[in-house]
Amino acid sequence: NTLDDRWPLGDIVFGIMFFAAGQVILYVFSVDIC
């Protein structure tokens, strides 16, 4: 609604992806990795 540039949405998407991946690895695949 405010910015003309849409590139910051990419930063938001990558941030969500990194955080979600960390939670999945932490709570789902930790034993398998170990």
PDB file of all heavy atoms in Angstrom:
ATOM      1  N   ASN A   1       0.791  -1.230   0.000  1.00  0.00           N
ATOM      2  CA  ASN A   1       0.000   0.000   0.000  1.00  0.00           C
ATOM      3  C   ASN A   1       0.823   1.280   0.000  1.00  0.00           C
ATOM      4  O   ASN A   1       0.311   2.341  -0.370  1.00  0.00           O
ATOM      5  CB  ASN A   1      -0.932   0.032   1.220  1.00  0.00           C
ATOM      6  CG  ASN A   1      -2.024  -1.014   1.131  1.00  0.00           C
ATOM      7  OD1 ASN A   1      -2.298  -1.554   0.062  1.00  0.00           O
ATOM      8  ND2 ASN A   1      -2.651  -1.304   2.251  1.00  0.00           N
ATOM      9  N   THR A   2       2.080   1.210   0.427  1.00  0.00           N
ATOM     10  CA  THR A   2       2.868   2.425   0.619  1.00  0.00           C
ATOM     11  C   THR A   2       4.023   2.564  -0.356  1.00  0.00           C
ATOM     12  O   THR A   2       4.312   3.674  -0.822  1.00  0.00           O
ATOM     13  CB  THR A   2       3.417   2.473   2.064  1.00  0.00           C
ATOM     14  OG1 THR A   2       2.350   2.274   2.984  1.00  0.00           O
ATOM     15  CG2 THR A   2       4.062   3.822   2.345  1.00  0.00           C
ATOM     16  N   LEU A   3       4.696   1.476  -0.658  1.00  0.00           N
ATOM     17  CA  LEU A   3       5.911   1.555  -1.455  1.00  0.00           C
ATOM     18  C   LEU A   3       5.636   1.263  -2.924  1.00  0.00           C
ATOM     19  O   LEU A   3       4.768   0.451  -3.260  1.00  0.00           O
ATOM     20  CB  LEU A   3       6.960   0.566  -0.933  1.00  0.00           C
ATOM     21  CG  LEU A   3       7.330   0.667   0.547  1.00  0.00           C
ATOM     22  CD1 LEU A   3       8.436  -0.320   0.865  1.00  0.00           C
ATOM     23  CD2 LEU A   3       7.759   2.080   0.910  1.00  0.00           C
ATOM     24  N   ASP A   4       6.386   1.930  -3.778  1.00  0.00           N
ATOM     25  CA  ASP A   4       6.332   1.631  -5.209  1.00  0.00           C
ATOM     26  C   ASP A   4       7.172   0.406  -5.543  1.00  0.00           C
ATOM     27  O   ASP A   4       6.873  -0.331  -6.481  1.00  0.00           O
ATOM     28  CB  ASP A   4       6.834   2.835  -6.012  1.00  0.00           C
ATOM     29  CG  ASP A   4       5.911   4.045  -5.859  1.00  0.00           C
ATOM     30  OD1 ASP A   4       4.702   3.823  -5.682  1.00  0.00           O
ATOM     31  OD2 ASP A   4       6.406   5.186  -5.906  1.00  0.00           O
ATOM     32  N   ASP A   5       8.220   0.200  -4.759  1.00  0.00           N
ATOM     33  CA  ASP A   5       9.128  -0.916  -4.994  1.00  0.00           C
ATOM     34  C   ASP A   5       8.584  -2.171  -4.324  1.00  0.00           C
ATOM     35  O   ASP A   5       8.177  -2.142  -3.156  1.00  0.00           O
ATOM     36  CB  ASP A   5      10.512  -0.563  -4.431  1.00  0.00           C
ATOM     37  CG  ASP A   5      11.554  -1.610  -4.793  1.00  0.00           C
ATOM     38  OD1 ASP A   5      11.240  -2.524  -5.583  1.00  0.00           O
ATOM     39  OD2 ASP A   5      12.693  -1.507  -4.292  1.00  0.00           O
ATOM     40  N   ARG A   6       8.571  -3.283  -5.038  1.00  0.00           N
ATOM     41  CA  ARG A   6       8.071  -4.546  -4.498  1.00  0.00           C
ATOM     42  C   ARG A   6       9.199  -5.494  -4.077  1.00  0.00           C
ATOM     43  O   ARG A   6       8.931  -6.569  -3.545  1.00  0.00           O
ATOM     44  CB  ARG A   6       7.183  -5.254  -5.530  1.00  0.00           C
ATOM     45  CG  ARG A   6       5.893  -4.513  -5.848  1.00  0.00           C
ATOM     46  CD  ARG A   6       4.960  -4.501  -4.644  1.00  0.00           C
ATOM     47  NE  ARG A   6       3.689  -3.825  -4.943  1.00  0.00           N
ATOM     48  CZ  ARG A   6       3.430  -2.574  -4.659  1.00  0.00           C
ATOM     49  NH1 ARG A   6       4.365  -1.826  -4.061  1.00  0.00           N
ATOM     50  NH2 ARG A   6       2.264  -2.030  -4.953  1.00  0.00           N
ATOM     51  N   TRP A   7      10.437  -5.093  -4.276  1.00  0.00           N
ATOM     52  CA  TRP A   7      11.554  -5.965  -3.931  1.00  0.00           C
ATOM     53  C   TRP A   7      11.612  -6.312  -2.438  1.00  0.00           C
ATOM     54  O   TRP A   7      12.040  -7.417  -2.077  1.00  0.00           O
ATOM     55  CB  TRP A   7      12.877  -5.339  -4.373  1.00  0.00           C
ATOM     56  CG  TRP A   7      13.120  -5.471  -5.839  1.00  0.00           C
ATOM     57  CD1 TRP A   7      13.064  -4.498  -6.782  1.00  0.00           C
ATOM     58  CD2 TRP A   7      13.452  -6.671  -6.545  1.00  0.00           C
ATOM     59  NE1 TRP A   7      13.320  -4.997  -8.032  1.00  0.00           N
ATOM     60  CE2 TRP A   7      13.571  -6.334  -7.916  1.00  0.00           C
ATOM     61  CE3 TRP A   7      13.651  -7.997  -6.165  1.00  0.00           C
ATOM     62  CZ2 TRP A   7      13.886  -7.270  -8.898  1.00  0.00           C
ATOM     63  CZ3 TRP A   7      13.966  -8.939  -7.148  1.00  0.00           C
ATOM     64  CH2 TRP A   7      14.079  -8.572  -8.488  1.00  0.00           C
ATOM     65  N   PRO A   8      11.229  -5.399  -1.525  1.00  0.00           N
ATOM     66  CA  PRO A   8      11.239  -5.786  -0.106  1.00  0.00           C
ATOM     67  C   PRO A   8      10.389  -7.003   0.216  1.00  0.00           C
ATOM     68  O   PRO A   8      10.635  -7.691   1.222  1.00  0.00           O
ATOM     69  CB  PRO A   8      10.700  -4.532   0.598  1.00  0.00           C
ATOM     70  CG  PRO A   8      11.097  -3.406  -0.294  1.00  0.00           C
ATOM     71  CD  PRO A   8      10.970  -3.954  -1.687  1.00  0.00           C
ATOM     72  N   LEU A   9       9.387  -7.298  -0.618  1.00  0.00           N
ATOM     73  CA  LEU A   9       8.601  -8.518  -0.400  1.00  0.00           C
ATOM     74  C   LEU A   9       9.479  -9.761  -0.479  1.00  0.00           C
ATOM     75  O   LEU A   9       9.219 -10.757   0.205  1.00  0.00           O
ATOM     76  CB  LEU A   9       7.471  -8.607  -1.428  1.00  0.00           C
ATOM     77  CG  LEU A   9       6.325  -7.597  -1.284  1.00  0.00           C
ATOM     78  CD1 LEU A   9       5.357  -7.743  -2.450  1.00  0.00           C
ATOM     79  CD2 LEU A   9       5.600  -7.791   0.048  1.00  0.00           C
ATOM     80  N   GLY A  10      10.503  -9.701  -1.310  1.00  0.00           N
ATOM     81  CA  GLY A  10      11.439 -10.825  -1.406  1.00  0.00           C
ATOM     82  C   GLY A  10      12.176 -11.052  -0.100  1.00  0.00           C
ATOM     83  O   GLY A  10      12.391 -12.199   0.308  1.00  0.00           O
ATOM     84  N   ASP A  11      12.557  -9.956   0.576  1.00  0.00           N
ATOM     85  CA  ASP A  11      13.219 -10.087   1.876  1.00  0.00           C
ATOM     86  C   ASP A  11      12.285 -10.734   2.887  1.00  0.00           C
ATOM     87  O   ASP A  11      12.714 -11.567   3.701  1.00  0.00           O
ATOM     88  CB  ASP A  11      13.658  -8.706   2.379  1.00  0.00           C
ATOM     89  CG  ASP A  11      14.634  -8.030   1.428  1.00  0.00           C
ATOM     90  OD1 ASP A  11      15.418  -8.759   0.789  1.00  0.00           O
ATOM     91  OD2 ASP A  11      14.621  -6.792   1.340  1.00  0.00           O
ATOM     92  N   ILE A  12      11.010 -10.358   2.846  1.00  0.00           N
ATOM     93  CA  ILE A  12      10.029 -10.945   3.754  1.00  0.00           C
ATOM     94  C   ILE A  12       9.871 -12.435   3.482  1.00  0.00           C
ATOM     95  O   ILE A  12       9.858 -13.259   4.406  1.00  0.00           O
ATOM     96  CB  ILE A  12       8.672 -10.231   3.616  1.00  0.00           C
ATOM     97  CG1 ILE A  12       8.791  -8.759   4.028  1.00  0.00           C
ATOM     98  CG2 ILE A  12       7.607 -10.924   4.465  1.00  0.00           C
ATOM     99  CD1 ILE A  12       7.534  -7.960   3.782  1.00  0.00           C
ATOM    100  N   VAL A  13       9.765 -12.795   2.208  1.00  0.00           N
ATOM    101  CA  VAL A  13       9.589 -14.204   1.834  1.00  0.00           C
ATOM    102  C   VAL A  13      10.783 -15.037   2.273  1.00  0.00           C
ATOM    103  O   VAL A  13      10.626 -16.127   2.860  1.00  0.00           O
ATOM    104  CB  VAL A  13       9.367 -14.336   0.313  1.00  0.00           C
ATOM    105  CG1 VAL A  13       9.416 -15.802  -0.110  1.00  0.00           C
ATOM    106  CG2 VAL A  13       8.035 -13.713  -0.091  1.00  0.00           C
ATOM    107  N   PHE A  14      11.987 -14.539   2.016  1.00  0.00           N
ATOM    108  CA  PHE A  14      13.189 -15.286   2.409  1.00  0.00           C
ATOM    109  C   PHE A  14      13.278 -15.412   3.932  1.00  0.00           C
ATOM    110  O   PHE A  14      13.684 -16.459   4.455  1.00  0.00           O
ATOM    111  CB  PHE A  14      14.442 -14.612   1.863  1.00  0.00           C
ATOM    112  CG  PHE A  14      14.763 -14.996   0.447  1.00  0.00           C
ATOM    113  CD1 PHE A  14      14.603 -14.096  -0.589  1.00  0.00           C
ATOM    114  CD2 PHE A  14      15.217 -16.270   0.155  1.00  0.00           C
ATOM    115  CE1 PHE A  14      14.891 -14.448  -1.899  1.00  0.00           C
ATOM    116  CE2 PHE A  14      15.517 -16.647  -1.153  1.00  0.00           C
ATOM    117  CZ  PHE A  14      15.348 -15.732  -2.188  1.00  0.00           C
ATOM    118  N   GLY A  15      12.905 -14.349   4.640  1.00  0.00           N
ATOM    119  CA  GLY A  15      12.916 -14.413   6.098  1.00  0.00           C
ATOM    120  C   GLY A  15      11.974 -15.471   6.623  1.00  0.00           C
ATOM    121  O   GLY A  15      12.316 -16.239   7.534  1.00  0.00           O
ATOM    122  N   ILE A  16      10.765 -15.539   6.048  1.00  0.00           N
ATOM    123  CA  ILE A  16       9.791 -16.554   6.450  1.00  0.00           C
ATOM    124  C   ILE A  16      10.308 -17.950   6.131  1.00  0.00           C
ATOM    125  O   ILE A  16      10.181 -18.887   6.935  1.00  0.00           O
ATOM    126  CB  ILE A  16       8.450 -16.304   5.748  1.00  0.00           C
ATOM    127  CG1 ILE A  16       7.844 -14.975   6.196  1.00  0.00           C
ATOM    128  CG2 ILE A  16       7.474 -17.442   6.042  1.00  0.00           C
ATOM    129  CD1 ILE A  16       6.621 -14.575   5.403  1.00  0.00           C
ATOM    130  N   MET A  17      10.900 -18.093   4.952  1.00  0.00           N
ATOM    131  CA  MET A  17      11.412 -19.406   4.542  1.00  0.00           C
ATOM    132  C   MET A  17      12.514 -19.887   5.473  1.00  0.00           C
ATOM    133  O   MET A  17      12.534 -21.057   5.880  1.00  0.00           O
ATOM    134  CB  MET A  17      11.926 -19.330   3.100  1.00  0.00           C
ATOM    135  CG  MET A  17      10.845 -19.202   2.055  1.00  0.00           C
ATOM    136  SD  MET A  17      11.516 -18.945   0.384  1.00  0.00           S
ATOM    137  CE  MET A  17      12.566 -20.384   0.210  1.00  0.00           C
ATOM    138  N   PHE A  18      13.444 -19.003   5.823  1.00  0.00           N
ATOM    139  CA  PHE A  18      14.529 -19.385   6.722  1.00  0.00           C
ATOM    140  C   PHE A  18      13.983 -19.785   8.096  1.00  0.00           C
ATOM    141  O   PHE A  18      14.403 -20.804   8.668  1.00  0.00           O
ATOM    142  CB  PHE A  18      15.526 -18.234   6.883  1.00  0.00           C
ATOM    143  CG  PHE A  18      16.415 -18.041   5.693  1.00  0.00           C
ATOM    144  CD1 PHE A  18      16.644 -16.775   5.170  1.00  0.00           C
ATOM    145  CD2 PHE A  18      17.043 -19.118   5.078  1.00  0.00           C
ATOM    146  CE1 PHE A  18      17.471 -16.583   4.067  1.00  0.00           C
ATOM    147  CE2 PHE A  18      17.866 -18.946   3.977  1.00  0.00           C
ATOM    148  CZ  PHE A  18      18.083 -17.671   3.470  1.00  0.00           C
ATOM    149  N   PHE A  19      13.045 -18.972   8.623  1.00  0.00           N
ATOM    150  CA  PHE A  19      12.514 -19.265   9.956  1.00  0.00           C
ATOM    151  C   PHE A  19      11.724 -20.575   9.943  1.00  0.00           C
ATOM    152  O   PHE A  19      11.884 -21.409  10.848  1.00  0.00           O
ATOM    153  CB  PHE A  19      11.622 -18.117  10.422  1.00  0.00           C
ATOM    154  CG  PHE A  19      11.124 -18.282  11.826  1.00  0.00           C
ATOM    155  CD1 PHE A  19      11.930 -17.960  12.902  1.00  0.00           C
ATOM    156  CD2 PHE A  19       9.847 -18.774  12.069  1.00  0.00           C
ATOM    157  CE1 PHE A  19      11.473 -18.119  14.207  1.00  0.00           C
ATOM    158  CE2 PHE A  19       9.387 -18.945  13.361  1.00  0.00           C
ATOM    159  CZ  PHE A  19      10.204 -18.611  14.433  1.00  0.00           C
ATOM    160  N   ALA A  20      10.881 -20.763   8.930  1.00  0.00           N
ATOM    161  CA  ALA A  20      10.078 -21.985   8.845  1.00  0.00           C
ATOM    162  C   ALA A  20      10.965 -23.217   8.684  1.00  0.00           C
ATOM    163  O   ALA A  20      10.732 -24.257   9.319  1.00  0.00           O
ATOM    164  CB  ALA A  20       9.092 -21.881   7.685  1.00  0.00           C
ATOM    165  N   ALA A  21      11.996 -23.091   7.852  1.00  0.00           N
ATOM    166  CA  ALA A  21      12.917 -24.214   7.657  1.00  0.00           C
ATOM    167  C   ALA A  21      13.614 -24.565   8.964  1.00  0.00           C
ATOM    168  O   ALA A  21      13.789 -25.749   9.295  1.00  0.00           O
ATOM    169  CB  ALA A  21      13.941 -23.863   6.581  1.00  0.00           C
ATOM    170  N   GLY A  22      13.997 -23.542   9.719  1.00  0.00           N
ATOM    171  CA  GLY A  22      14.658 -23.795  10.999  1.00  0.00           C
ATOM    172  C   GLY A  22      13.757 -24.520  11.974  1.00  0.00           C
ATOM    173  O   GLY A  22      14.194 -25.443  12.678  1.00  0.00           O
ATOM    174  N   GLN A  23      12.463 -24.142  12.013  1.00  0.00           N
ATOM    175  CA  GLN A  23      11.532 -24.799  12.930  1.00  0.00           C
ATOM    176  C   GLN A  23      11.276 -26.249  12.528  1.00  0.00           C
ATOM    177  O   GLN A  23      11.210 -27.140  13.387  1.00  0.00           O
ATOM    178  CB  GLN A  23      10.208 -24.023  12.959  1.00  0.00           C
ATOM    179  CG  GLN A  23      10.327 -22.587  13.425  1.00  0.00           C
ATOM    180  CD  GLN A  23      10.990 -22.457  14.771  1.00  0.00           C
ATOM    181  OE1 GLN A  23      10.470 -22.928  15.777  1.00  0.00           O
ATOM    182  NE2 GLN A  23      12.153 -21.822  14.815  1.00  0.00           N
ATOM    183  N   VAL A  24      11.151 -26.485  11.226  1.00  0.00           N
ATOM    184  CA  VAL A  24      10.920 -27.857  10.754  1.00  0.00           C
ATOM    185  C   VAL A  24      12.128 -28.734  11.051  1.00  0.00           C
ATOM    186  O   VAL A  24      11.987 -29.871  11.540  1.00  0.00           O
ATOM    187  CB  VAL A  24      10.611 -27.855   9.240  1.00  0.00           C
ATOM    188  CG1 VAL A  24      10.578 -29.278   8.703  1.00  0.00           C
ATOM    189  CG2 VAL A  24       9.284 -27.154   8.974  1.00  0.00           C
ATOM    190  N   ILE A  25      13.313 -28.232  10.762  1.00  0.00           N
ATOM    191  CA  ILE A  25      14.530 -29.003  11.039  1.00  0.00           C
ATOM    192  C   ILE A  25      14.654 -29.266  12.529  1.00  0.00           C
ATOM    193  O   ILE A  25      15.019 -30.369  12.962  1.00  0.00           O
ATOM    194  CB  ILE A  25      15.764 -28.246  10.517  1.00  0.00           C
ATOM    195  CG1 ILE A  25      15.749 -28.201   8.994  1.00  0.00           C
ATOM    196  CG2 ILE A  25      17.049 -28.900  11.012  1.00  0.00           C
ATOM    197  CD1 ILE A  25      16.837 -27.335   8.398  1.00  0.00           C
ATOM    198  N   LEU A  26      14.339 -28.249  13.326  1.00  0.00           N
ATOM    199  CA  LEU A  26      14.511 -28.351  14.778  1.00  0.00           C
ATOM    200  C   LEU A  26      13.576 -29.380  15.390  1.00  0.00           C
ATOM    201  O   LEU A  26      13.992 -30.226  16.201  1.00  0.00           O
ATOM    202  CB  LEU A  26      14.265 -26.972  15.402  1.00  0.00           C
ATOM    203  CG  LEU A  26      14.715 -26.751  16.847  1.00  0.00           C
ATOM    204  CD1 LEU A  26      16.221 -26.900  16.969  1.00  0.00           C
ATOM    205  CD2 LEU A  26      14.275 -25.380  17.333  1.00  0.00           C
ATOM    206  N   TYR A  27      12.299 -29.336  15.003  1.00  0.00           N
ATOM    207  CA  TYR A  27      11.305 -30.146  15.685  1.00  0.00           C
ATOM    208  C   TYR A  27      10.922 -31.434  14.962  1.00  0.00           C
ATOM    209  O   TYR A  27      10.232 -32.277  15.539  1.00  0.00           O
ATOM    210  CB  TYR A  27      10.039 -29.314  15.910  1.00  0.00           C
ATOM    211  CG  TYR A  27      10.272 -28.089  16.766  1.00  0.00           C
ATOM    212  CD1 TYR A  27       9.879 -26.822  16.331  1.00  0.00           C
ATOM    213  CD2 TYR A  27      10.909 -28.194  17.998  1.00  0.00           C
ATOM    214  CE1 TYR A  27      10.094 -25.696  17.121  1.00  0.00           C
ATOM    215  CE2 TYR A  27      11.132 -27.077  18.786  1.00  0.00           C
ATOM    216  CZ  TYR A  27      10.728 -25.827  18.340  1.00  0.00           C
ATOM    217  OH  TYR A  27      10.950 -24.720  19.118  1.00  0.00           O
ATOM    218  N   VAL A  28      11.357 -31.584  13.705  1.00  0.00           N
ATOM    219  CA  VAL A  28      10.966 -32.768  12.940  1.00  0.00           C
ATOM    220  C   VAL A  28      12.165 -33.652  12.594  1.00  0.00           C
ATOM    221  O   VAL A  28      12.127 -34.875  12.799  1.00  0.00           O
ATOM    222  CB  VAL A  28      10.223 -32.364  11.643  1.00  0.00           C
ATOM    223  CG1 VAL A  28       9.863 -33.606  10.833  1.00  0.00           C
ATOM    224  CG2 VAL A  28       8.965 -31.550  11.972  1.00  0.00           C
ATOM    225  N   PHE A  29      13.238 -33.037  12.101  1.00  0.00           N
ATOM    226  CA  PHE A  29      14.354 -33.823  11.562  1.00  0.00           C
ATOM    227  C   PHE A  29      15.587 -33.840  12.449  1.00  0.00           C
ATOM    228  O   PHE A  29      16.639 -34.324  12.024  1.00  0.00           O
ATOM    229  CB  PHE A  29      14.740 -33.291  10.176  1.00  0.00           C
ATOM    230  CG  PHE A  29      13.643 -33.403   9.159  1.00  0.00           C
ATOM    231  CD1 PHE A  29      12.983 -32.277   8.696  1.00  0.00           C
ATOM    232  CD2 PHE A  29      13.262 -34.640   8.667  1.00  0.00           C
ATOM    233  CE1 PHE A  29      11.975 -32.362   7.759  1.00  0.00           C
ATOM    234  CE2 PHE A  29      12.257 -34.748   7.727  1.00  0.00           C
ATOM    235  CZ  PHE A  29      11.603 -33.603   7.275  1.00  0.00           C
ATOM    236  N   SER A  30      15.493 -33.344  13.655  1.00  0.00           N
ATOM    237  CA  SER A  30      16.672 -33.250  14.513  1.00  0.00           C
ATOM    238  C   SER A  30      17.296 -34.611  14.796  1.00  0.00           C
ATOM    239  O   SER A  30      18.511 -34.798  14.705  1.00  0.00           O
ATOM    240  CB  SER A  30      16.311 -32.558  15.832  1.00  0.00           C
ATOM    241  OG  SER A  30      17.460 -32.430  16.646  1.00  0.00           O
ATOM    242  N   VAL A  31      16.461 -35.586  15.138  1.00  0.00           N
ATOM    243  CA  VAL A  31      16.978 -36.924  15.454  1.00  0.00           C
ATOM    244  C   VAL A  31      17.602 -37.565  14.220  1.00  0.00           C
ATOM    245  O   VAL A  31      18.667 -38.201  14.306  1.00  0.00           O
ATOM    246  CB  VAL A  31      15.850 -37.804  16.018  1.00  0.00           C
ATOM    247  CG1 VAL A  31      16.353 -39.237  16.228  1.00  0.00           C
ATOM    248  CG2 VAL A  31      15.323 -37.237  17.332  1.00  0.00           C
ATOM    249  N   ASP A  32      16.966 -37.404  13.055  1.00  0.00           N
ATOM    250  CA  ASP A  32      17.514 -37.970  11.820  1.00  0.00           C
ATOM    251  C   ASP A  32      18.882 -37.364  11.494  1.00  0.00           C
ATOM    252  O   ASP A  32      19.806 -38.072  11.088  1.00  0.00           O
ATOM    253  CB  ASP A  32      16.544 -37.720  10.659  1.00  0.00           C
ATOM    254  CG  ASP A  32      15.213 -38.415  10.860  1.00  0.00           C
ATOM    255  OD1 ASP A  32      15.210 -39.505  11.469  1.00  0.00           O
ATOM    256  OD2 ASP A  32      14.179 -37.868  10.427  1.00  0.00           O
ATOM    257  N   ILE A  33      19.011 -36.061  11.672  1.00  0.00           N
ATOM    258  CA  ILE A  33      20.292 -35.384  11.415  1.00  0.00           C
ATOM    259  C   ILE A  33      21.350 -35.871  12.397  1.00  0.00           C
ATOM    260  O   ILE A  33      22.497 -36.134  12.024  1.00  0.00           O
ATOM    261  CB  ILE A  33      20.121 -33.858  11.522  1.00  0.00           C
ATOM    262  CG1 ILE A  33      19.226 -33.350  10.399  1.00  0.00           C
ATOM    263  CG2 ILE A  33      21.474 -33.155  11.474  1.00  0.00           C
ATOM    264  CD1 ILE A  33      18.843 -31.893  10.538  1.00  0.00           C
ATOM    265  N   CYS A  34      20.946 -36.026  13.641  1.00  0.00           N
ATOM    266  CA  CYS A  34      21.878 -36.480  14.675  1.00  0.00           C
ATOM    267  C   CYS A  34      22.387 -37.893  14.374  1.00  0.00           C
ATOM    268  O   CYS A  34      23.587 -38.164  14.486  1.00  0.00           O
ATOM    269  CB  CYS A  34      21.185 -36.430  16.030  1.00  0.00           C
ATOM    270  SG  CYS A  34      22.203 -36.937  17.421  1.00  0.00           S
TER     271      CYS A  34
END
